[in-house]
Amino acid sequence: MTWFAVQTQPRAEPKARANLERQGYSVYSPLLRRRRRHARRVENVLVPLFPGYLFVALDPHGDAWRPINSTLGVVRLVCFGEMPAPVPTGIIDGLRALEDAHGIIRPPSANAQPGDSVRILEGALADQVGTLLDAGGAERVRLLVRLLGRDVQVTVGPEQFEKLGSS
C-alpha cells in the first residue's frame, strides 16, 4: 500500500478521518500535544501535526479512490494531474517512529540532551540561544541563557525550544 495526502476542510480532520475509516480506508493523522492559553487558563490539547491534511493508504490502480473526494470533511485527494500524488516512501514510517506509546508525536526537543545548544521559540525570551541543563521532567526543562552579561537559569515547556543543529 502507498500513502497519499488528503486535504481536509479547516479544523475538520477528525470528521474526515471518521468518515474515511467508515468507508474502509486506512487513515493516519499524526497528532502533536500543544499548550494552549485561553481566558487565563492553560491546557494541553492535541492538534494535527499537518493542519488541514491527513494520510490515506491505498493502491491507486486497484482501489476506488475517487469517493475520497466526496467524503464529508474532505476537500480533495492531493493529485498530480489525474492521478493521486504518493507521499515519498518512508515519510509515514518516520513519523510513526517519532510517536510515544499513546500515538502522539513527541516534540522535537524530546531528542535534546543536557549540554545541547537550544533556541527558545516563544515568550519573552524568544530567539535567545542557551544550553539545556535538565530535561528530566516532561512538563518543564531548565535552560541556561546569557542575559545582560550573566548566565541565568530559565524554565520553559518542552515545546517552547528547539535543538540547534550541529554545524
C-alpha atoms as a PDB file:
ATOM      1  CA  MET A   1       0.000   0.000   0.000  1.00  0.00           C
ATOM      2  CA  THR A   2       1.103   3.518  -0.752  1.00  0.00           C
ATOM      3  CA  TRP A   3       0.257   6.586   1.343  1.00  0.00           C
ATOM      4  CA  PHE A   4      -1.434   9.644  -0.146  1.00  0.00           C
ATOM      5  CA  ALA A   5      -2.213  13.091   1.288  1.00  0.00           C
ATOM      6  CA  VAL A   6      -5.819  14.185   1.694  1.00  0.00           C
ATOM      7  CA  GLN A   7      -6.691  17.859   2.127  1.00  0.00           C
ATOM      8  CA  THR A   8      -9.449  18.404   4.690  1.00  0.00           C
ATOM      9  CA  GLN A   9     -11.782  21.257   5.406  1.00  0.00           C
ATOM     10  CA  PRO A  10     -10.497  23.700   8.056  1.00  0.00           C
ATOM     11  CA  ARG A  11     -10.401  22.031  11.501  1.00  0.00           C
ATOM     12  CA  ALA A  12     -12.314  19.023  10.112  1.00  0.00           C
ATOM     13  CA  GLU A  13      -9.561  16.405  10.389  1.00  0.00           C
ATOM     14  CA  PRO A  14     -11.448  14.261  12.962  1.00  0.00           C
ATOM     15  CA  LYS A  15     -14.648  14.325  10.885  1.00  0.00           C
ATOM     16  CA  ALA A  16     -12.781  13.435   7.682  1.00  0.00           C
ATOM     17  CA  ARG A  17     -10.877  10.658   9.462  1.00  0.00           C
ATOM     18  CA  ALA A  18     -14.052   9.100  10.871  1.00  0.00           C
ATOM     19  CA  ASN A  19     -15.835   9.219   7.514  1.00  0.00           C
ATOM     20  CA  LEU A  20     -12.871   7.764   5.610  1.00  0.00           C
ATOM     21  CA  GLU A  21     -12.460   4.948   8.153  1.00  0.00           C
ATOM     22  CA  ARG A  22     -16.188   4.226   7.890  1.00  0.00           C
ATOM     23  CA  GLN A  23     -15.633   3.673   4.150  1.00  0.00           C
ATOM     24  CA  GLY A  24     -12.864   1.181   4.887  1.00  0.00           C
ATOM     25  CA  TYR A  25      -9.778   3.309   4.186  1.00  0.00           C
ATOM     26  CA  SER A  26      -6.670   3.056   6.355  1.00  0.00           C
ATOM     27  CA  VAL A  27      -6.100   6.599   7.695  1.00  0.00           C
ATOM     28  CA  TYR A  28      -3.152   8.189   9.502  1.00  0.00           C
ATOM     29  CA  SER A  29      -3.478  11.592  11.140  1.00  0.00           C
ATOM     30  CA  PRO A  30      -0.388  12.420  13.232  1.00  0.00           C
ATOM     31  CA  LEU A  31      -1.152  14.441  16.364  1.00  0.00           C
ATOM     32  CA  LEU A  32       1.028  16.718  18.469  1.00  0.00           C
ATOM     33  CA  ARG A  33       0.436  17.879  22.047  1.00  0.00           C
ATOM     34  CA  ARG A  34       0.414  21.685  22.351  1.00  0.00           C
ATOM     35  CA  ARG A  35      -0.099  24.017  25.271  1.00  0.00           C
ATOM     36  CA  ARG A  36      -2.988  26.424  24.647  1.00  0.00           C
ATOM     37  CA  ARG A  37      -3.679  29.546  26.670  1.00  0.00           C
ATOM     38  CA  HIS A  38      -7.195  30.918  26.677  1.00  0.00           C
ATOM     39  CA  ALA A  39      -9.108  33.046  29.179  1.00  0.00           C
ATOM     40  CA  ARG A  40      -6.369  32.781  31.830  1.00  0.00           C
ATOM     41  CA  ARG A  41      -6.316  29.012  31.543  1.00  0.00           C
ATOM     42  CA  VAL A  42      -3.564  26.841  30.192  1.00  0.00           C
ATOM     43  CA  GLU A  43      -4.437  23.429  28.857  1.00  0.00           C
ATOM     44  CA  ASN A  44      -2.718  20.756  26.813  1.00  0.00           C
ATOM     45  CA  VAL A  45      -4.587  19.902  23.630  1.00  0.00           C
ATOM     46  CA  LEU A  46      -3.957  17.536  20.740  1.00  0.00           C
ATOM     47  CA  VAL A  47      -3.544  19.291  17.392  1.00  0.00           C
ATOM     48  CA  PRO A  48      -2.777  17.888  13.942  1.00  0.00           C
ATOM     49  CA  LEU A  49       0.900  17.868  13.000  1.00  0.00           C
ATOM     50  CA  PHE A  50      -0.193  18.930   9.497  1.00  0.00           C
ATOM     51  CA  PRO A  51      -3.308  21.090   9.928  1.00  0.00           C
ATOM     52  CA  GLY A  52      -5.698  20.570   7.045  1.00  0.00           C
ATOM     53  CA  TYR A  53      -4.184  17.253   5.941  1.00  0.00           C
ATOM     54  CA  LEU A  54      -4.226  13.557   6.775  1.00  0.00           C
ATOM     55  CA  PHE A  55      -2.954  10.458   5.006  1.00  0.00           C
ATOM     56  CA  VAL A  56      -4.732   7.512   3.382  1.00  0.00           C
ATOM     57  CA  ALA A  57      -3.154   4.172   2.381  1.00  0.00           C
ATOM     58  CA  LEU A  58      -4.418   2.689  -0.857  1.00  0.00           C
ATOM     59  CA  ASP A  59      -3.492   1.170  -4.198  1.00  0.00           C
ATOM     60  CA  PRO A  60      -4.339   3.894  -6.761  1.00  0.00           C
ATOM     61  CA  HIS A  61      -4.618   1.362  -9.590  1.00  0.00           C
ATOM     62  CA  GLY A  62      -6.712  -1.219  -7.710  1.00  0.00           C
ATOM     63  CA  ASP A  63      -8.643   0.653  -5.014  1.00  0.00           C
ATOM     64  CA  ALA A  64     -11.506   3.052  -5.620  1.00  0.00           C
ATOM     65  CA  TRP A  65     -10.003   6.403  -4.647  1.00  0.00           C
ATOM     66  CA  ARG A  66     -12.413   8.849  -6.295  1.00  0.00           C
ATOM     67  CA  PRO A  67     -15.015   8.531  -3.471  1.00  0.00           C
ATOM     68  CA  ILE A  68     -12.447  10.167  -1.146  1.00  0.00           C
ATOM     69  CA  ASN A  69     -13.118  13.500  -2.895  1.00  0.00           C
ATOM     70  CA  SER A  70     -16.813  13.409  -1.960  1.00  0.00           C
ATOM     71  CA  THR A  71     -16.305  12.345   1.661  1.00  0.00           C
ATOM     72  CA  LEU A  72     -17.658  14.684   4.354  1.00  0.00           C
ATOM     73  CA  GLY A  73     -14.825  16.763   5.793  1.00  0.00           C
ATOM     74  CA  VAL A  74     -12.558  16.206   2.772  1.00  0.00           C
ATOM     75  CA  VAL A  75     -11.692  18.885   0.214  1.00  0.00           C
ATOM     76  CA  ARG A  76      -9.747  16.622  -2.130  1.00  0.00           C
ATOM     77  CA  LEU A  77      -7.183  13.890  -2.515  1.00  0.00           C
ATOM     78  CA  VAL A  78      -3.911  15.610  -3.475  1.00  0.00           C
ATOM     79  CA  CYS A  79      -3.220  14.731  -7.126  1.00  0.00           C
ATOM     80  CA  PHE A  80      -0.699  15.496  -9.838  1.00  0.00           C
ATOM     81  CA  GLY A  81      -2.803  15.683 -12.945  1.00  0.00           C
ATOM     82  CA  GLU A  82      -5.379  12.906 -12.897  1.00  0.00           C
ATOM     83  CA  MET A  83      -3.581  10.511 -10.517  1.00  0.00           C
ATOM     84  CA  PRO A  84      -3.124  10.783  -6.736  1.00  0.00           C
ATOM     85  CA  ALA A  85       0.309  12.027  -5.681  1.00  0.00           C
ATOM     86  CA  PRO A  86       2.054   9.475  -3.430  1.00  0.00           C
ATOM     87  CA  VAL A  87       3.795  10.539  -0.244  1.00  0.00           C
ATOM     88  CA  PRO A  88       7.525   9.687  -0.564  1.00  0.00           C
ATOM     89  CA  THR A  89       8.437   6.266   0.788  1.00  0.00           C
ATOM     90  CA  GLY A  90       9.476   6.262   4.436  1.00  0.00           C
ATOM     91  CA  ILE A  91       7.806   9.534   5.469  1.00  0.00           C
ATOM     92  CA  ILE A  92       4.904   7.874   7.299  1.00  0.00           C
ATOM     93  CA  ASP A  93       7.216   5.291   8.910  1.00  0.00           C
ATOM     94  CA  GLY A  94       9.488   8.140  10.019  1.00  0.00           C
ATOM     95  CA  LEU A  95       6.559   9.986  11.585  1.00  0.00           C
ATOM     96  CA  ARG A  96       5.386   6.857  13.368  1.00  0.00           C
ATOM     97  CA  ALA A  97       8.894   6.380  14.769  1.00  0.00           C
ATOM     98  CA  LEU A  98       8.526   9.782  16.489  1.00  0.00           C
ATOM     99  CA  GLU A  99       5.338   8.730  18.315  1.00  0.00           C
ATOM    100  CA  ASP A 100       5.146   7.936  22.001  1.00  0.00           C
ATOM    101  CA  ALA A 101       3.222   4.991  23.479  1.00  0.00           C
ATOM    102  CA  HIS A 102      -0.089   6.847  23.022  1.00  0.00           C
ATOM    103  CA  GLY A 103       0.454   7.580  19.330  1.00  0.00           C
ATOM    104  CA  ILE A 104       1.289  11.254  19.892  1.00  0.00           C
ATOM    105  CA  ILE A 105       4.297  12.789  18.103  1.00  0.00           C
ATOM    106  CA  ARG A 106       6.962  13.751  20.619  1.00  0.00           C
ATOM    107  CA  PRO A 107       8.101  17.359  20.344  1.00  0.00           C
ATOM    108  CA  PRO A 108      11.427  17.850  18.535  1.00  0.00           C
ATOM    109  CA  SER A 109      13.017  18.984  21.782  1.00  0.00           C
ATOM    110  CA  ALA A 110      12.479  15.490  23.212  1.00  0.00           C
ATOM    111  CA  ASN A 111      15.627  14.483  21.324  1.00  0.00           C
ATOM    112  CA  ALA A 112      17.735  17.154  23.049  1.00  0.00           C
ATOM    113  CA  GLN A 113      20.183  16.075  25.739  1.00  0.00           C
ATOM    114  CA  PRO A 114      21.714  18.112  28.588  1.00  0.00           C
ATOM    115  CA  GLY A 115      24.542  20.215  27.201  1.00  0.00           C
ATOM    116  CA  ASP A 116      22.917  20.720  23.777  1.00  0.00           C
ATOM    117  CA  SER A 117      22.561  24.214  22.362  1.00  0.00           C
ATOM    118  CA  VAL A 118      18.928  25.255  22.017  1.00  0.00           C
ATOM    119  CA  ARG A 119      16.907  28.258  20.839  1.00  0.00           C
ATOM    120  CA  ILE A 120      13.815  29.495  22.695  1.00  0.00           C
ATOM    121  CA  LEU A 121      10.884  29.696  20.263  1.00  0.00           C
ATOM    122  CA  GLU A 122       8.265  31.762  22.102  1.00  0.00           C
ATOM    123  CA  GLY A 123       7.664  34.068  25.018  1.00  0.00           C
ATOM    124  CA  ALA A 124       9.680  36.995  26.357  1.00  0.00           C
ATOM    125  CA  LEU A 125      12.971  35.227  25.615  1.00  0.00           C
ATOM    126  CA  ALA A 126      12.110  34.199  22.040  1.00  0.00           C
ATOM    127  CA  ASP A 127      15.180  33.698  19.803  1.00  0.00           C
ATOM    128  CA  GLN A 128      17.580  33.557  22.761  1.00  0.00           C
ATOM    129  CA  VAL A 129      20.180  30.797  22.472  1.00  0.00           C
ATOM    130  CA  GLY A 130      21.128  28.798  25.528  1.00  0.00           C
ATOM    131  CA  THR A 131      22.238  25.434  26.850  1.00  0.00           C
ATOM    132  CA  LEU A 132      19.924  22.661  28.007  1.00  0.00           C
ATOM    133  CA  LEU A 133      20.638  21.899  31.668  1.00  0.00           C
ATOM    134  CA  ASP A 134      17.979  19.383  32.653  1.00  0.00           C
ATOM    135  CA  ALA A 135      15.337  17.627  30.561  1.00  0.00           C
ATOM    136  CA  GLY A 136      14.198  15.221  33.270  1.00  0.00           C
ATOM    137  CA  GLY A 137      10.622  16.452  33.643  1.00  0.00           C
ATOM    138  CA  ALA A 138       8.094  16.034  30.878  1.00  0.00           C
ATOM    139  CA  GLU A 139       6.366  19.324  31.720  1.00  0.00           C
ATOM    140  CA  ARG A 140       9.369  21.634  32.167  1.00  0.00           C
ATOM    141  CA  VAL A 141      13.012  21.829  31.222  1.00  0.00           C
ATOM    142  CA  ARG A 142      15.786  24.068  32.547  1.00  0.00           C
ATOM    143  CA  LEU A 143      17.928  26.151  30.222  1.00  0.00           C
ATOM    144  CA  LEU A 144      20.984  28.309  30.854  1.00  0.00           C
ATOM    145  CA  VAL A 145      20.688  31.573  28.906  1.00  0.00           C
ATOM    146  CA  ARG A 146      23.094  34.535  28.847  1.00  0.00           C
ATOM    147  CA  LEU A 147      21.198  37.748  29.680  1.00  0.00           C
ATOM    148  CA  LEU A 148      22.692  41.157  30.421  1.00  0.00           C
ATOM    149  CA  GLY A 149      26.185  39.750  30.718  1.00  0.00           C
ATOM    150  CA  ARG A 150      25.407  36.905  33.108  1.00  0.00           C
ATOM    151  CA  ASP A 151      24.132  33.337  32.893  1.00  0.00           C
ATOM    152  CA  VAL A 152      20.547  32.894  34.050  1.00  0.00           C
ATOM    153  CA  GLN A 153      18.590  29.670  34.506  1.00  0.00           C
ATOM    154  CA  VAL A 154      15.126  29.707  32.935  1.00  0.00           C
ATOM    155  CA  THR A 155      12.396  27.094  32.933  1.00  0.00           C
ATOM    156  CA  VAL A 156      10.310  26.509  29.809  1.00  0.00           C
ATOM    157  CA  GLY A 157       7.971  23.885  28.411  1.00  0.00           C
ATOM    158  CA  PRO A 158       9.403  21.222  26.087  1.00  0.00           C
ATOM    159  CA  GLU A 159       7.525  22.682  23.115  1.00  0.00           C
ATOM    160  CA  GLN A 160       8.990  26.161  23.664  1.00  0.00           C
ATOM    161  CA  PHE A 161      12.502  25.437  22.396  1.00  0.00           C
ATOM    162  CA  GLU A 162      14.272  23.680  19.576  1.00  0.00           C
ATOM    163  CA  LYS A 163      17.606  21.925  19.476  1.00  0.00           C
ATOM    164  CA  LEU A 164      20.129  23.703  17.288  1.00  0.00           C
ATOM    165  CA  GLY A 165      21.752  21.552  14.636  1.00  0.00           C
ATOM    166  CA  SER A 166      25.448  20.817  14.932  1.00  0.00           C
ATOM    167  CA  SER A 167      27.402  22.684  12.272  1.00  0.00           C
END
